[in-house]
N, C-alpha and C. Protein backbone atom coordinates (compact mmCIF):
# COMPACT_ATOMS: atom_id res chain seq x y z
N UNK A 1 0.84 -1.17 0.00
CA UNK A 1 0.00 0.00 0.00
C UNK A 1 0.89 1.23 0.00
N UNK A 2 0.52 2.21 -0.85
CA UNK A 2 1.26 3.45 -0.98
C UNK A 2 0.31 4.62 -0.82
N UNK A 3 0.82 5.70 -0.31
CA UNK A 3 0.04 6.94 -0.21
C UNK A 3 0.44 7.81 -1.40
N UNK A 4 -0.54 8.18 -2.24
CA UNK A 4 -0.28 8.93 -3.46
C UNK A 4 -1.04 10.26 -3.47
N UNK A 5 -0.48 11.24 -4.16
CA UNK A 5 -1.13 12.53 -4.35
C UNK A 5 -1.53 12.65 -5.82
N UNK A 6 -2.76 13.08 -6.07
CA UNK A 6 -3.22 13.25 -7.43
C UNK A 6 -4.14 14.45 -7.51
N UNK A 7 -4.34 14.94 -8.72
CA UNK A 7 -5.20 16.11 -8.93
C UNK A 7 -6.64 15.67 -9.03
N UNK A 8 -7.51 16.30 -8.27
CA UNK A 8 -8.94 16.02 -8.33
C UNK A 8 -9.58 16.75 -9.49
N UNK A 9 -10.89 16.58 -9.65
CA UNK A 9 -11.62 17.20 -10.76
C UNK A 9 -11.58 18.72 -10.70
N UNK A 10 -11.46 19.28 -9.50
CA UNK A 10 -11.43 20.73 -9.37
C UNK A 10 -10.02 21.29 -9.49
N UNK A 11 -9.03 20.42 -9.64
CA UNK A 11 -7.64 20.86 -9.75
C UNK A 11 -6.92 20.88 -8.43
N UNK A 12 -7.65 20.64 -7.32
CA UNK A 12 -7.01 20.62 -6.01
C UNK A 12 -6.26 19.30 -5.83
N UNK A 13 -5.19 19.35 -5.03
CA UNK A 13 -4.45 18.14 -4.74
C UNK A 13 -5.23 17.29 -3.74
N UNK A 14 -5.30 16.01 -4.05
CA UNK A 14 -5.97 15.06 -3.17
C UNK A 14 -4.99 13.96 -2.79
N UNK A 15 -5.18 13.38 -1.65
CA UNK A 15 -4.33 12.27 -1.21
C UNK A 15 -5.17 11.02 -1.16
N UNK A 16 -4.57 9.90 -1.53
CA UNK A 16 -5.28 8.63 -1.49
C UNK A 16 -4.32 7.48 -1.32
N UNK A 17 -4.89 6.31 -1.11
CA UNK A 17 -4.09 5.11 -0.94
C UNK A 17 -4.16 4.28 -2.21
N UNK A 18 -3.06 3.69 -2.59
CA UNK A 18 -3.01 2.83 -3.77
C UNK A 18 -2.70 1.41 -3.32
N UNK A 19 -3.43 0.47 -3.85
CA UNK A 19 -3.22 -0.92 -3.52
C UNK A 19 -2.79 -1.67 -4.77
N UNK A 20 -1.90 -2.60 -4.62
CA UNK A 20 -1.50 -3.44 -5.73
C UNK A 20 -1.96 -4.85 -5.39
N UNK A 21 -2.79 -5.41 -6.24
CA UNK A 21 -3.30 -6.75 -6.00
C UNK A 21 -2.38 -7.72 -6.70
N UNK A 22 -1.81 -8.62 -5.94
CA UNK A 22 -0.89 -9.60 -6.50
C UNK A 22 -1.68 -10.69 -7.21
N UNK A 23 -1.11 -11.21 -8.27
CA UNK A 23 -1.70 -12.33 -8.97
C UNK A 23 -2.79 -11.95 -9.96
N UNK A 24 -3.05 -10.67 -10.14
CA UNK A 24 -4.06 -10.24 -11.11
C UNK A 24 -3.36 -9.89 -12.42
N UNK A 25 -3.47 -10.72 -13.43
CA UNK A 25 -2.81 -10.41 -14.69
C UNK A 25 -3.47 -9.21 -15.35
N UNK A 26 -2.66 -8.42 -16.03
CA UNK A 26 -3.18 -7.26 -16.75
C UNK A 26 -3.88 -7.74 -18.01
N UNK A 27 -4.96 -7.08 -18.36
CA UNK A 27 -5.70 -7.43 -19.56
C UNK A 27 -4.82 -7.19 -20.78
N UNK A 28 -4.98 -8.01 -21.81
CA UNK A 28 -4.17 -7.79 -23.01
C UNK A 28 -4.52 -6.47 -23.65
N UNK A 29 -3.52 -5.78 -24.19
CA UNK A 29 -3.78 -4.49 -24.82
C UNK A 29 -4.20 -4.66 -26.28
N UNK A 30 -3.82 -5.76 -26.88
CA UNK A 30 -4.17 -6.03 -28.27
C UNK A 30 -4.58 -7.49 -28.38
N UNK A 31 -5.62 -7.75 -29.13
CA UNK A 31 -6.15 -9.08 -29.29
C UNK A 31 -5.39 -9.84 -30.37
N UNK A 32 -5.12 -11.11 -30.14
CA UNK A 32 -4.47 -11.94 -31.15
C UNK A 32 -5.50 -12.30 -32.22
N UNK A 33 -5.21 -11.93 -33.45
CA UNK A 33 -6.11 -12.15 -34.59
C UNK A 33 -5.27 -12.79 -35.69
N UNK A 34 -5.84 -13.74 -36.45
CA UNK A 34 -5.08 -14.32 -37.56
C UNK A 34 -4.54 -13.23 -38.48
N UNK A 35 -3.33 -13.42 -38.97
CA UNK A 35 -2.67 -12.36 -39.75
C UNK A 35 -3.43 -11.96 -41.01
N UNK A 36 -4.06 -12.90 -41.68
CA UNK A 36 -4.82 -12.56 -42.89
C UNK A 36 -6.01 -11.66 -42.53
N UNK A 37 -6.69 -11.99 -41.45
CA UNK A 37 -7.83 -11.18 -40.99
C UNK A 37 -7.35 -9.80 -40.57
N UNK A 38 -6.25 -9.77 -39.82
CA UNK A 38 -5.70 -8.50 -39.36
C UNK A 38 -5.29 -7.61 -40.54
N UNK A 39 -4.75 -8.21 -41.58
CA UNK A 39 -4.36 -7.47 -42.77
C UNK A 39 -5.57 -6.83 -43.44
N UNK A 40 -6.67 -7.59 -43.55
CA UNK A 40 -7.89 -7.07 -44.16
C UNK A 40 -8.49 -5.94 -43.32
N UNK A 41 -8.46 -6.11 -41.99
CA UNK A 41 -8.96 -5.07 -41.09
C UNK A 41 -8.11 -3.80 -41.26
N UNK A 42 -6.80 -3.97 -41.30
CA UNK A 42 -5.90 -2.82 -41.46
C UNK A 42 -6.14 -2.09 -42.77
N UNK A 43 -6.48 -2.82 -43.83
CA UNK A 43 -6.80 -2.19 -45.11
C UNK A 43 -8.03 -1.30 -44.99
N UNK A 44 -9.05 -1.79 -44.30
CA UNK A 44 -10.28 -1.02 -44.11
C UNK A 44 -9.99 0.23 -43.28
N UNK A 45 -9.23 0.06 -42.20
CA UNK A 45 -8.88 1.21 -41.36
C UNK A 45 -8.03 2.21 -42.15
N UNK A 46 -7.14 1.71 -42.99
CA UNK A 46 -6.30 2.57 -43.82
C UNK A 46 -7.12 3.39 -44.81
N UNK A 47 -8.17 2.78 -45.36
CA UNK A 47 -9.06 3.50 -46.27
C UNK A 47 -9.71 4.67 -45.55
N UNK A 48 -10.16 4.44 -44.31
CA UNK A 48 -10.76 5.51 -43.52
C UNK A 48 -9.74 6.59 -43.19
N UNK A 49 -8.54 6.16 -42.81
CA UNK A 49 -7.51 7.12 -42.40
C UNK A 49 -7.06 8.02 -43.55
N UNK A 50 -7.19 7.54 -44.78
CA UNK A 50 -6.78 8.34 -45.94
C UNK A 50 -7.82 9.41 -46.32
N UNK A 51 -9.00 9.37 -45.71
CA UNK A 51 -10.00 10.40 -46.00
C UNK A 51 -9.51 11.74 -45.47
N UNK A 52 -9.81 12.83 -46.18
CA UNK A 52 -9.37 14.15 -45.70
C UNK A 52 -9.95 14.47 -44.32
N UNK A 53 -9.08 14.89 -43.41
CA UNK A 53 -9.51 15.28 -42.08
C UNK A 53 -9.58 14.16 -41.07
N UNK A 54 -9.26 12.93 -41.48
CA UNK A 54 -9.27 11.81 -40.54
C UNK A 54 -7.89 11.68 -39.91
N UNK A 55 -7.87 11.71 -38.59
CA UNK A 55 -6.61 11.62 -37.84
C UNK A 55 -6.26 10.19 -37.48
N UNK A 56 -7.27 9.35 -37.25
CA UNK A 56 -6.99 7.97 -36.88
C UNK A 56 -8.24 7.12 -36.93
N UNK A 57 -8.02 5.80 -36.97
CA UNK A 57 -9.12 4.84 -36.98
C UNK A 57 -8.69 3.61 -36.19
N UNK A 58 -9.66 3.00 -35.51
CA UNK A 58 -9.34 1.83 -34.69
C UNK A 58 -10.53 0.89 -34.63
N UNK A 59 -10.24 -0.39 -34.44
CA UNK A 59 -11.26 -1.40 -34.21
C UNK A 59 -10.94 -2.08 -32.89
N UNK A 60 -11.91 -2.11 -32.00
CA UNK A 60 -11.73 -2.74 -30.68
C UNK A 60 -12.90 -3.68 -30.42
N UNK A 61 -12.71 -4.54 -29.45
CA UNK A 61 -13.81 -5.38 -28.99
C UNK A 61 -14.70 -4.59 -28.04
N UNK A 62 -15.91 -5.05 -27.82
CA UNK A 62 -16.84 -4.36 -26.92
C UNK A 62 -16.38 -4.41 -25.47
N UNK A 63 -15.45 -5.32 -25.15
CA UNK A 63 -14.92 -5.36 -23.78
C UNK A 63 -13.71 -4.44 -23.61
N UNK A 64 -13.37 -3.65 -24.64
CA UNK A 64 -12.32 -2.66 -24.54
C UNK A 64 -10.93 -3.13 -24.92
N UNK A 65 -10.82 -4.26 -25.58
CA UNK A 65 -9.51 -4.75 -26.03
C UNK A 65 -9.31 -4.35 -27.50
N UNK A 66 -8.18 -3.73 -27.78
CA UNK A 66 -7.88 -3.26 -29.13
C UNK A 66 -7.63 -4.45 -30.06
N UNK A 67 -8.18 -4.38 -31.26
CA UNK A 67 -7.95 -5.40 -32.28
C UNK A 67 -6.91 -4.90 -33.27
N UNK A 68 -7.15 -3.69 -33.82
CA UNK A 68 -6.23 -3.09 -34.79
C UNK A 68 -6.44 -1.59 -34.76
N UNK A 69 -5.35 -0.84 -35.01
CA UNK A 69 -5.47 0.61 -34.94
C UNK A 69 -4.46 1.31 -35.83
N UNK A 70 -4.90 2.45 -36.36
CA UNK A 70 -4.03 3.37 -37.09
C UNK A 70 -4.28 4.73 -36.45
N UNK A 71 -3.67 4.94 -35.30
CA UNK A 71 -3.88 6.15 -34.51
C UNK A 71 -2.62 7.01 -34.49
N UNK A 72 -2.82 8.26 -34.17
CA UNK A 72 -1.67 9.16 -34.01
C UNK A 72 -0.81 8.67 -32.85
N UNK A 73 0.47 8.96 -32.89
CA UNK A 73 1.38 8.51 -31.82
C UNK A 73 0.99 9.06 -30.46
N UNK A 74 0.28 10.19 -30.46
CA UNK A 74 -0.11 10.80 -29.19
C UNK A 74 -1.32 10.10 -28.56
N UNK A 75 -1.99 9.23 -29.30
CA UNK A 75 -3.15 8.51 -28.79
C UNK A 75 -2.71 7.20 -28.14
N UNK A 76 -3.29 6.89 -26.98
CA UNK A 76 -3.05 5.64 -26.29
C UNK A 76 -4.08 4.62 -26.78
N UNK A 77 -3.67 3.59 -27.54
CA UNK A 77 -4.62 2.63 -28.10
C UNK A 77 -5.49 1.94 -27.05
N UNK A 78 -4.92 1.63 -25.90
CA UNK A 78 -5.70 0.97 -24.84
C UNK A 78 -6.80 1.89 -24.33
N UNK A 79 -6.47 3.16 -24.18
CA UNK A 79 -7.46 4.13 -23.70
C UNK A 79 -8.55 4.34 -24.76
N UNK A 80 -8.14 4.46 -26.02
CA UNK A 80 -9.11 4.62 -27.11
C UNK A 80 -10.06 3.43 -27.14
N UNK A 81 -9.53 2.22 -27.01
CA UNK A 81 -10.37 1.01 -27.04
C UNK A 81 -11.36 0.98 -25.89
N UNK A 82 -10.90 1.26 -24.70
CA UNK A 82 -11.81 1.17 -23.55
C UNK A 82 -12.86 2.29 -23.57
N UNK A 83 -12.47 3.49 -23.94
CA UNK A 83 -13.42 4.60 -24.00
C UNK A 83 -14.45 4.36 -25.12
N UNK A 84 -14.01 3.84 -26.25
CA UNK A 84 -14.91 3.56 -27.36
C UNK A 84 -15.97 2.54 -26.97
N UNK A 85 -15.53 1.48 -26.31
CA UNK A 85 -16.47 0.45 -25.86
C UNK A 85 -17.48 1.05 -24.87
N UNK A 86 -16.99 1.90 -23.99
CA UNK A 86 -17.87 2.54 -23.03
C UNK A 86 -18.88 3.48 -23.68
N UNK A 87 -18.44 4.22 -24.69
CA UNK A 87 -19.33 5.14 -25.40
C UNK A 87 -20.47 4.38 -26.09
N UNK A 88 -20.14 3.28 -26.73
CA UNK A 88 -21.16 2.50 -27.42
C UNK A 88 -22.17 1.94 -26.42
N UNK A 89 -21.66 1.41 -25.32
CA UNK A 89 -22.56 0.85 -24.31
C UNK A 89 -23.46 1.91 -23.70
N UNK A 90 -22.90 3.06 -23.38
CA UNK A 90 -23.67 4.16 -22.79
C UNK A 90 -24.69 4.69 -23.78
N UNK A 91 -24.31 4.82 -25.04
CA UNK A 91 -25.24 5.32 -26.07
C UNK A 91 -26.41 4.37 -26.26
N UNK A 92 -26.13 3.08 -26.30
CA UNK A 92 -27.21 2.09 -26.43
C UNK A 92 -28.16 2.16 -25.24
N UNK A 93 -27.60 2.27 -24.04
CA UNK A 93 -28.41 2.34 -22.83
C UNK A 93 -29.26 3.62 -22.83
N UNK A 94 -28.68 4.75 -23.23
CA UNK A 94 -29.42 6.01 -23.28
C UNK A 94 -30.57 5.92 -24.28
N UNK A 95 -30.31 5.38 -25.46
CA UNK A 95 -31.35 5.24 -26.49
C UNK A 95 -32.49 4.36 -25.98
N UNK A 96 -32.14 3.27 -25.32
CA UNK A 96 -33.15 2.36 -24.79
C UNK A 96 -33.99 3.05 -23.71
N UNK A 97 -33.35 3.80 -22.84
CA UNK A 97 -34.07 4.50 -21.76
C UNK A 97 -35.04 5.54 -22.31
N UNK A 98 -34.70 6.14 -23.44
CA UNK A 98 -35.56 7.17 -24.05
C UNK A 98 -36.63 6.52 -24.93
N UNK A 99 -36.54 5.22 -25.13
CA UNK A 99 -37.53 4.52 -25.93
C UNK A 99 -37.19 4.42 -27.40
N UNK A 100 -35.91 4.58 -27.72
CA UNK A 100 -35.46 4.45 -29.11
C UNK A 100 -34.81 3.09 -29.30
N UNK A 101 -34.74 2.70 -30.57
CA UNK A 101 -34.03 1.46 -30.86
C UNK A 101 -32.54 1.70 -30.71
N UNK A 102 -31.75 0.68 -30.93
CA UNK A 102 -30.30 0.82 -30.73
C UNK A 102 -29.69 1.90 -31.63
N UNK A 103 -28.58 2.44 -31.18
CA UNK A 103 -27.95 3.55 -31.88
C UNK A 103 -27.23 3.09 -33.14
N UNK A 104 -27.14 4.00 -34.10
CA UNK A 104 -26.37 3.76 -35.32
C UNK A 104 -24.91 4.09 -35.05
N UNK A 105 -24.68 5.29 -34.49
CA UNK A 105 -23.33 5.74 -34.19
C UNK A 105 -23.41 6.83 -33.12
N UNK A 106 -22.29 7.11 -32.54
CA UNK A 106 -22.20 8.16 -31.52
C UNK A 106 -21.12 9.14 -31.96
N UNK A 107 -21.42 10.44 -31.84
CA UNK A 107 -20.45 11.46 -32.19
C UNK A 107 -20.14 12.28 -30.94
N UNK A 108 -18.87 12.38 -30.63
CA UNK A 108 -18.43 13.27 -29.56
C UNK A 108 -17.77 14.46 -30.26
N UNK A 109 -18.38 15.63 -30.11
CA UNK A 109 -17.88 16.83 -30.78
C UNK A 109 -16.98 17.61 -29.83
N UNK A 110 -15.77 17.91 -30.27
CA UNK A 110 -14.84 18.70 -29.47
C UNK A 110 -14.31 19.85 -30.34
N UNK A 111 -13.68 20.80 -29.73
CA UNK A 111 -13.10 21.91 -30.49
C UNK A 111 -11.97 21.44 -31.40
N UNK A 112 -11.31 20.33 -31.02
CA UNK A 112 -10.19 19.81 -31.81
C UNK A 112 -10.63 18.84 -32.89
N UNK A 113 -11.93 18.60 -33.01
CA UNK A 113 -12.44 17.65 -34.00
C UNK A 113 -13.38 16.65 -33.34
N UNK A 114 -14.05 15.87 -34.16
CA UNK A 114 -15.04 14.92 -33.67
C UNK A 114 -14.45 13.52 -33.48
N UNK A 115 -15.14 12.75 -32.66
CA UNK A 115 -14.84 11.33 -32.48
C UNK A 115 -16.12 10.60 -32.83
N UNK A 116 -16.06 9.69 -33.79
CA UNK A 116 -17.23 8.92 -34.20
C UNK A 116 -17.00 7.47 -33.81
N UNK A 117 -18.00 6.91 -33.12
CA UNK A 117 -17.91 5.52 -32.67
C UNK A 117 -19.13 4.79 -33.21
N UNK A 118 -18.89 3.61 -33.79
CA UNK A 118 -19.98 2.82 -34.37
C UNK A 118 -19.77 1.35 -34.07
N UNK A 119 -20.86 0.68 -33.72
CA UNK A 119 -20.79 -0.76 -33.48
C UNK A 119 -20.55 -1.49 -34.79
N UNK A 120 -19.76 -2.54 -34.70
CA UNK A 120 -19.53 -3.43 -35.84
C UNK A 120 -19.98 -4.81 -35.35
N UNK A 121 -21.18 -5.18 -35.73
CA UNK A 121 -21.75 -6.41 -35.18
C UNK A 121 -22.04 -6.22 -33.71
N UNK A 122 -22.10 -7.31 -32.97
CA UNK A 122 -22.39 -7.23 -31.54
C UNK A 122 -21.13 -7.21 -30.69
N UNK A 123 -19.98 -7.52 -31.28
CA UNK A 123 -18.78 -7.69 -30.46
C UNK A 123 -17.67 -6.67 -30.70
N UNK A 124 -17.82 -5.78 -31.68
CA UNK A 124 -16.73 -4.87 -32.00
C UNK A 124 -17.20 -3.43 -32.13
N UNK A 125 -16.24 -2.51 -32.04
CA UNK A 125 -16.50 -1.07 -32.10
C UNK A 125 -15.48 -0.43 -33.03
N UNK A 126 -15.96 0.37 -33.97
CA UNK A 126 -15.11 1.12 -34.88
C UNK A 126 -15.05 2.57 -34.40
N UNK A 127 -13.86 3.10 -34.25
CA UNK A 127 -13.68 4.49 -33.81
C UNK A 127 -12.90 5.24 -34.86
N UNK A 128 -13.38 6.44 -35.20
CA UNK A 128 -12.69 7.30 -36.16
C UNK A 128 -12.53 8.67 -35.51
N UNK A 129 -11.30 9.15 -35.47
CA UNK A 129 -10.98 10.44 -34.85
C UNK A 129 -10.73 11.45 -35.96
N UNK A 130 -11.46 12.58 -35.89
CA UNK A 130 -11.43 13.57 -36.96
C UNK A 130 -10.80 14.88 -36.52
N UNK A 131 -10.21 15.57 -37.48
CA UNK A 131 -9.76 16.95 -37.27
C UNK A 131 -10.95 17.86 -37.58
N UNK A 132 -10.90 19.12 -37.16
CA UNK A 132 -12.05 20.02 -37.37
C UNK A 132 -12.44 20.20 -38.84
N UNK A 133 -11.48 20.11 -39.73
CA UNK A 133 -11.78 20.36 -41.15
C UNK A 133 -12.42 19.17 -41.86
N UNK A 134 -12.61 18.06 -41.19
CA UNK A 134 -13.18 16.86 -41.82
C UNK A 134 -14.63 17.12 -42.25
N UNK A 135 -15.02 16.53 -43.36
CA UNK A 135 -16.39 16.58 -43.85
C UNK A 135 -17.14 15.44 -43.16
N UNK A 136 -17.91 15.77 -42.13
CA UNK A 136 -18.56 14.75 -41.31
C UNK A 136 -19.49 13.86 -42.12
N UNK A 137 -20.25 14.43 -43.04
CA UNK A 137 -21.17 13.64 -43.86
C UNK A 137 -20.44 12.59 -44.69
N UNK A 138 -19.35 13.01 -45.33
CA UNK A 138 -18.56 12.09 -46.14
C UNK A 138 -17.95 10.99 -45.27
N UNK A 139 -17.44 11.39 -44.13
CA UNK A 139 -16.82 10.41 -43.22
C UNK A 139 -17.87 9.41 -42.72
N UNK A 140 -19.05 9.89 -42.36
CA UNK A 140 -20.11 8.99 -41.89
C UNK A 140 -20.51 7.98 -42.96
N UNK A 141 -20.55 8.42 -44.20
CA UNK A 141 -20.85 7.52 -45.32
C UNK A 141 -19.81 6.41 -45.39
N UNK A 142 -18.55 6.78 -45.31
CA UNK A 142 -17.47 5.79 -45.38
C UNK A 142 -17.43 4.90 -44.13
N UNK A 143 -17.77 5.45 -42.98
CA UNK A 143 -17.81 4.64 -41.75
C UNK A 143 -18.89 3.56 -41.88
N UNK A 144 -20.03 3.92 -42.46
CA UNK A 144 -21.09 2.93 -42.67
C UNK A 144 -20.63 1.79 -43.56
N UNK A 145 -19.96 2.14 -44.65
CA UNK A 145 -19.44 1.12 -45.57
C UNK A 145 -18.37 0.27 -44.89
N UNK A 146 -17.47 0.94 -44.16
CA UNK A 146 -16.39 0.21 -43.49
C UNK A 146 -16.96 -0.74 -42.44
N UNK A 147 -17.98 -0.30 -41.74
CA UNK A 147 -18.61 -1.13 -40.71
C UNK A 147 -19.16 -2.42 -41.31
N UNK A 148 -19.84 -2.29 -42.44
CA UNK A 148 -20.39 -3.47 -43.11
C UNK A 148 -19.28 -4.40 -43.60
N UNK A 149 -18.23 -3.82 -44.14
CA UNK A 149 -17.09 -4.62 -44.61
C UNK A 149 -16.41 -5.34 -43.45
N UNK A 150 -16.25 -4.65 -42.33
CA UNK A 150 -15.62 -5.26 -41.15
C UNK A 150 -16.49 -6.38 -40.59
N UNK A 151 -17.81 -6.22 -40.63
CA UNK A 151 -18.71 -7.30 -40.19
C UNK A 151 -18.45 -8.57 -40.99
N UNK A 152 -18.31 -8.40 -42.30
CA UNK A 152 -18.05 -9.56 -43.17
C UNK A 152 -16.70 -10.20 -42.85
N UNK A 153 -15.70 -9.36 -42.63
CA UNK A 153 -14.36 -9.88 -42.32
C UNK A 153 -14.37 -10.64 -40.99
N UNK A 154 -15.10 -10.12 -40.00
CA UNK A 154 -15.07 -10.69 -38.66
C UNK A 154 -16.07 -11.82 -38.45
N UNK A 155 -17.03 -12.00 -39.38
CA UNK A 155 -18.04 -13.03 -39.17
C UNK A 155 -17.41 -14.41 -39.35
N UNK A 156 -17.80 -15.34 -38.45
CA UNK A 156 -17.26 -16.71 -38.58
C UNK A 156 -17.83 -17.35 -39.85
N UNK A 157 -17.00 -18.13 -40.49
CA UNK A 157 -17.40 -18.75 -41.76
C UNK A 157 -18.00 -20.10 -41.54
């Protein structure tokens, strides 16, 4: 057990205790996927990344494990995977609570650009990170196509 100092939500310094649990393996940061499948997934992500204004694209599992990614070096793939999975789950829950059917996609709008998250089947999440100059309509069109293509790639034969 260690005593640590960290910044709270208000910016004030807070003190807390940190515990390390022995014997708990860390979750894998990237999922093992057959190389041929991974190559096809990377091609789809590369097509998205080449669109004007697209900064990065990633495919993760719904449990937050990264499958494949083409992200900027400043992005943490593990964090992107876990946040993307959480966004999809929260969006689905919100839609259900309001009486809507499941969501098509979720957009997080920021001053630095948008983040678009879309389910790919029941087990995967596609995330595309945009710069402000991106044409959102064009990108959404390509995300829809990529999602369908990824479903075919990931479906068991």
